[in-house]
Structure formats: C-alpha cells, structure tokens
N, C-alpha and C. Protein backbone atom coordinates (compact mmCIF):
# COMPACT_ATOMS: atom_id res chain seq x y z
N UNK A 1 -48.94 14.39 6.31
CA UNK A 1 -50.36 14.49 6.54
C UNK A 1 -51.14 14.74 5.25
N UNK A 2 -50.46 15.18 4.19
CA UNK A 2 -51.16 15.46 2.95
C UNK A 2 -50.96 14.36 1.90
N UNK A 3 -50.05 13.44 2.14
CA UNK A 3 -49.79 12.37 1.17
C UNK A 3 -50.74 11.20 1.40
N UNK A 4 -51.29 10.67 0.33
CA UNK A 4 -52.14 9.49 0.45
C UNK A 4 -51.28 8.27 0.78
N UNK A 5 -50.12 8.18 0.14
CA UNK A 5 -49.17 7.10 0.40
C UNK A 5 -47.78 7.72 0.48
N UNK A 6 -47.01 7.31 1.49
CA UNK A 6 -45.67 7.84 1.72
C UNK A 6 -44.73 6.66 1.95
N UNK A 7 -43.55 6.73 1.37
CA UNK A 7 -42.54 5.70 1.59
C UNK A 7 -41.39 6.31 2.37
N UNK A 8 -41.03 5.67 3.49
CA UNK A 8 -39.95 6.18 4.33
C UNK A 8 -38.60 5.98 3.65
N UNK A 9 -37.60 6.57 4.21
CA UNK A 9 -36.24 6.40 3.70
C UNK A 9 -35.80 4.95 3.88
N UNK A 10 -34.83 4.55 3.07
CA UNK A 10 -34.28 3.21 3.17
C UNK A 10 -33.43 3.07 4.43
N UNK A 11 -33.46 1.88 5.02
CA UNK A 11 -32.61 1.55 6.17
C UNK A 11 -32.05 0.15 5.94
N UNK A 12 -31.11 -0.25 6.78
CA UNK A 12 -30.59 -1.61 6.67
C UNK A 12 -31.70 -2.65 6.88
N UNK A 13 -32.60 -2.37 7.83
CA UNK A 13 -33.69 -3.29 8.11
C UNK A 13 -34.77 -3.28 7.02
N UNK A 14 -34.93 -2.14 6.36
CA UNK A 14 -35.96 -1.97 5.32
C UNK A 14 -35.33 -1.30 4.10
N UNK A 15 -34.62 -2.08 3.27
CA UNK A 15 -33.89 -1.48 2.14
C UNK A 15 -34.79 -0.77 1.12
N UNK A 16 -36.08 -1.11 1.09
CA UNK A 16 -37.00 -0.43 0.18
C UNK A 16 -37.80 0.65 0.88
N UNK A 17 -37.52 0.89 2.18
CA UNK A 17 -38.34 1.80 2.96
C UNK A 17 -39.62 1.10 3.41
N UNK A 18 -40.45 1.84 4.11
CA UNK A 18 -41.75 1.31 4.55
C UNK A 18 -42.84 2.19 3.96
N UNK A 19 -43.81 1.55 3.31
CA UNK A 19 -44.93 2.30 2.73
C UNK A 19 -45.99 2.54 3.81
N UNK A 20 -46.37 3.79 3.97
CA UNK A 20 -47.39 4.19 4.94
C UNK A 20 -48.55 4.79 4.18
N UNK A 21 -49.76 4.36 4.52
CA UNK A 21 -50.95 4.84 3.83
C UNK A 21 -51.76 5.73 4.77
N UNK A 22 -52.22 6.87 4.28
CA UNK A 22 -53.07 7.76 5.05
C UNK A 22 -54.53 7.35 4.82
N UNK A 23 -55.02 6.45 5.71
CA UNK A 23 -56.36 5.92 5.55
C UNK A 23 -57.43 6.99 5.66
N UNK A 24 -57.17 8.03 6.42
CA UNK A 24 -58.14 9.12 6.55
C UNK A 24 -58.41 9.72 5.17
N UNK A 25 -57.36 10.13 4.48
CA UNK A 25 -57.54 10.75 3.16
C UNK A 25 -58.15 9.77 2.17
N UNK A 26 -57.75 8.53 2.24
CA UNK A 26 -58.28 7.54 1.31
C UNK A 26 -59.75 7.25 1.59
N UNK A 27 -60.18 7.32 2.84
CA UNK A 27 -61.58 7.06 3.19
C UNK A 27 -62.49 8.25 2.91
N UNK A 28 -61.96 9.46 3.00
CA UNK A 28 -62.81 10.64 2.88
C UNK A 28 -62.85 11.20 1.46
N UNK A 29 -61.91 10.81 0.61
CA UNK A 29 -61.80 11.44 -0.70
C UNK A 29 -63.04 11.25 -1.59
N UNK A 30 -63.80 10.20 -1.40
CA UNK A 30 -64.98 9.99 -2.23
C UNK A 30 -66.28 10.44 -1.56
N UNK A 31 -66.16 11.10 -0.42
CA UNK A 31 -67.34 11.60 0.30
C UNK A 31 -67.61 13.05 -0.10
N UNK A 32 -68.88 13.41 -0.17
CA UNK A 32 -69.25 14.79 -0.50
C UNK A 32 -69.18 15.64 0.76
N UNK A 33 -68.09 16.37 0.92
CA UNK A 33 -67.92 17.23 2.09
C UNK A 33 -68.03 18.71 1.72
N UNK A 34 -68.27 19.00 0.46
CA UNK A 34 -68.36 20.39 0.03
C UNK A 34 -67.02 21.00 -0.30
N UNK A 35 -66.01 20.15 -0.42
CA UNK A 35 -64.67 20.63 -0.74
C UNK A 35 -63.69 19.48 -0.76
N UNK A 36 -62.43 19.79 -0.48
CA UNK A 36 -61.39 18.77 -0.47
C UNK A 36 -60.64 18.80 0.85
N UNK A 37 -60.59 17.67 1.52
CA UNK A 37 -59.76 17.54 2.71
C UNK A 37 -58.34 17.34 2.20
N UNK A 38 -57.46 18.30 2.47
CA UNK A 38 -56.12 18.27 1.90
C UNK A 38 -55.08 17.64 2.82
N UNK A 39 -55.37 17.56 4.11
CA UNK A 39 -54.47 16.84 5.01
C UNK A 39 -55.24 16.42 6.25
N UNK A 40 -54.77 15.32 6.86
CA UNK A 40 -55.48 14.79 8.02
C UNK A 40 -54.60 13.81 8.76
N UNK A 41 -54.93 13.62 10.04
CA UNK A 41 -54.20 12.68 10.89
C UNK A 41 -55.15 12.13 11.93
N UNK A 42 -55.15 10.81 12.09
CA UNK A 42 -55.89 10.18 13.17
C UNK A 42 -54.92 9.79 14.27
N UNK A 43 -55.45 9.50 15.43
CA UNK A 43 -54.60 9.07 16.52
C UNK A 43 -55.42 8.52 17.66
N UNK A 44 -54.72 8.02 18.66
CA UNK A 44 -55.38 7.50 19.85
C UNK A 44 -54.50 7.78 21.06
N UNK A 45 -55.09 8.38 22.07
CA UNK A 45 -54.47 8.51 23.38
C UNK A 45 -55.53 8.18 24.41
N UNK A 46 -55.12 7.68 25.53
CA UNK A 46 -56.05 7.25 26.57
C UNK A 46 -57.02 8.36 26.98
N UNK A 47 -56.50 9.59 27.11
CA UNK A 47 -57.31 10.70 27.61
C UNK A 47 -58.42 11.12 26.64
N UNK A 48 -58.20 11.00 25.33
CA UNK A 48 -59.21 11.47 24.38
C UNK A 48 -59.70 10.39 23.43
N UNK A 49 -59.24 9.17 23.58
CA UNK A 49 -59.71 8.08 22.73
C UNK A 49 -59.29 8.26 21.28
N UNK A 50 -60.09 7.74 20.37
CA UNK A 50 -59.84 7.89 18.94
C UNK A 50 -60.12 9.33 18.56
N UNK A 51 -59.13 9.98 17.98
CA UNK A 51 -59.27 11.39 17.64
C UNK A 51 -58.71 11.64 16.24
N UNK A 52 -59.01 12.80 15.71
CA UNK A 52 -58.53 13.15 14.37
C UNK A 52 -58.50 14.66 14.21
N UNK A 53 -57.64 15.08 13.30
CA UNK A 53 -57.57 16.49 12.90
C UNK A 53 -57.49 16.51 11.38
N UNK A 54 -58.22 17.45 10.76
CA UNK A 54 -58.18 17.56 9.30
C UNK A 54 -58.32 19.02 8.89
N UNK A 55 -57.93 19.27 7.66
CA UNK A 55 -57.98 20.62 7.08
C UNK A 55 -58.66 20.51 5.72
N UNK A 56 -59.70 21.31 5.52
CA UNK A 56 -60.45 21.28 4.26
C UNK A 56 -60.51 22.65 3.63
N UNK A 57 -60.43 22.66 2.30
CA UNK A 57 -60.71 23.86 1.52
C UNK A 57 -62.01 23.58 0.78
N UNK A 58 -63.03 24.40 1.03
CA UNK A 58 -64.34 24.16 0.43
C UNK A 58 -64.35 24.58 -1.03
N UNK A 59 -65.38 24.14 -1.72
CA UNK A 59 -65.53 24.50 -3.13
C UNK A 59 -65.65 26.02 -3.30
N UNK A 60 -66.12 26.72 -2.28
CA UNK A 60 -66.26 28.18 -2.35
C UNK A 60 -64.99 28.90 -1.87
N UNK A 61 -63.96 28.13 -1.48
CA UNK A 61 -62.68 28.74 -1.11
C UNK A 61 -62.48 28.99 0.38
N UNK A 62 -63.43 28.58 1.21
CA UNK A 62 -63.26 28.75 2.66
C UNK A 62 -62.35 27.64 3.20
N UNK A 63 -61.66 27.96 4.29
CA UNK A 63 -60.73 27.02 4.90
C UNK A 63 -61.23 26.64 6.29
N UNK A 64 -61.23 25.34 6.57
CA UNK A 64 -61.70 24.84 7.86
C UNK A 64 -60.69 23.86 8.46
N UNK A 65 -60.54 23.93 9.76
CA UNK A 65 -59.80 22.92 10.52
C UNK A 65 -60.81 22.24 11.43
N UNK A 66 -60.81 20.93 11.43
CA UNK A 66 -61.74 20.15 12.24
C UNK A 66 -60.93 19.23 13.15
N UNK A 67 -61.25 19.24 14.42
CA UNK A 67 -60.60 18.35 15.39
C UNK A 67 -61.70 17.68 16.20
N UNK A 68 -61.64 16.35 16.27
CA UNK A 68 -62.63 15.61 17.04
C UNK A 68 -61.92 14.63 17.97
N UNK A 69 -62.65 14.20 19.00
CA UNK A 69 -62.09 13.25 19.97
C UNK A 69 -63.17 12.31 20.45
N UNK A 70 -62.73 11.24 21.07
CA UNK A 70 -63.58 10.28 21.76
C UNK A 70 -64.54 9.53 20.84
N UNK A 71 -64.12 9.27 19.60
CA UNK A 71 -64.93 8.43 18.72
C UNK A 71 -64.82 6.98 19.19
N UNK A 72 -65.83 6.16 18.92
CA UNK A 72 -65.81 4.79 19.42
C UNK A 72 -64.92 3.86 18.60
N UNK A 73 -64.38 4.34 17.46
CA UNK A 73 -63.44 3.54 16.68
C UNK A 73 -62.58 4.46 15.82
N UNK A 74 -61.50 3.93 15.29
CA UNK A 74 -60.63 4.72 14.42
C UNK A 74 -61.36 5.14 13.14
N UNK A 75 -62.20 4.25 12.62
CA UNK A 75 -62.95 4.59 11.41
C UNK A 75 -64.03 5.61 11.71
N UNK A 76 -64.66 5.52 12.88
CA UNK A 76 -65.74 6.44 13.23
C UNK A 76 -65.27 7.88 13.25
N UNK A 77 -64.04 8.13 13.70
CA UNK A 77 -63.57 9.52 13.75
C UNK A 77 -63.47 10.12 12.35
N UNK A 78 -63.20 9.31 11.35
CA UNK A 78 -63.17 9.81 9.96
C UNK A 78 -64.59 10.21 9.54
N UNK A 79 -65.55 9.36 9.81
CA UNK A 79 -66.92 9.66 9.42
C UNK A 79 -67.51 10.81 10.23
N UNK A 80 -67.00 11.02 11.44
CA UNK A 80 -67.40 12.21 12.21
C UNK A 80 -66.99 13.48 11.45
N UNK A 81 -65.80 13.47 10.85
CA UNK A 81 -65.34 14.64 10.09
C UNK A 81 -66.20 14.85 8.86
N UNK A 82 -66.58 13.77 8.21
CA UNK A 82 -67.50 13.89 7.06
C UNK A 82 -68.77 14.61 7.50
N UNK A 83 -69.34 14.16 8.61
CA UNK A 83 -70.59 14.76 9.10
C UNK A 83 -70.42 16.23 9.48
N UNK A 84 -69.32 16.58 10.11
CA UNK A 84 -69.07 17.97 10.49
C UNK A 84 -68.95 18.84 9.24
N UNK A 85 -68.15 18.39 8.26
CA UNK A 85 -68.00 19.18 7.03
C UNK A 85 -69.32 19.29 6.28
N UNK A 86 -70.09 18.22 6.22
CA UNK A 86 -71.38 18.29 5.53
C UNK A 86 -72.33 19.27 6.21
N UNK A 87 -72.26 19.36 7.52
CA UNK A 87 -73.16 20.25 8.26
C UNK A 87 -72.71 21.70 8.21
N UNK A 88 -71.42 21.95 8.34
CA UNK A 88 -70.96 23.34 8.56
C UNK A 88 -70.15 23.95 7.41
N UNK A 89 -69.62 23.15 6.52
CA UNK A 89 -68.72 23.70 5.50
C UNK A 89 -69.35 23.88 4.14
N UNK A 90 -70.59 23.48 3.97
CA UNK A 90 -71.23 23.64 2.65
C UNK A 90 -71.84 25.00 2.49
C-alpha cells in the first residue's frame, strides 16, 4: 500500500514477476493536501461501490486516516480524498 510500483515474485508463468502500480499514490502525489499520503488502496465491492482508504501525515505532523465509499468512478474516489484532506487536514 505504500509502494508506488511493486514487482511480484517470479513464477513459471511470469519469470520477471508482474509489475503493479499504485495509481492512488501516483495520482495524489502532486496534489496539495497539506502533507503526504504515505499509503493508500482503492477497491470496489457491490455494497459500497468505488471506495478507498488512505493514510496521510500532514506538514504539521498530524496523522489522518481517510476512508470513502460510493464514488461514481475509481478515479473519483482518489479526488474525494484530495478534497477531504484539503478541507480537514490543513
């Protein structure tokens, strides 16, 4: 959850492993949230739709966990976190 890019272990099917990118961290890193989002995960389940969880350490040293649900798209849930941090974590 804290790696921007992660490569899985090698397997017979994937001798070089599989590279996985954390789009949440890559999308939020250039946004002014008043701190640094150090880990995050997006997801989707039928009951809560597009959802996300993230952890931020603000420039003043405060720690926040943000969890959102029911965004209308996978990208929207990331921008929802930007808006929450901008409103409450500065």
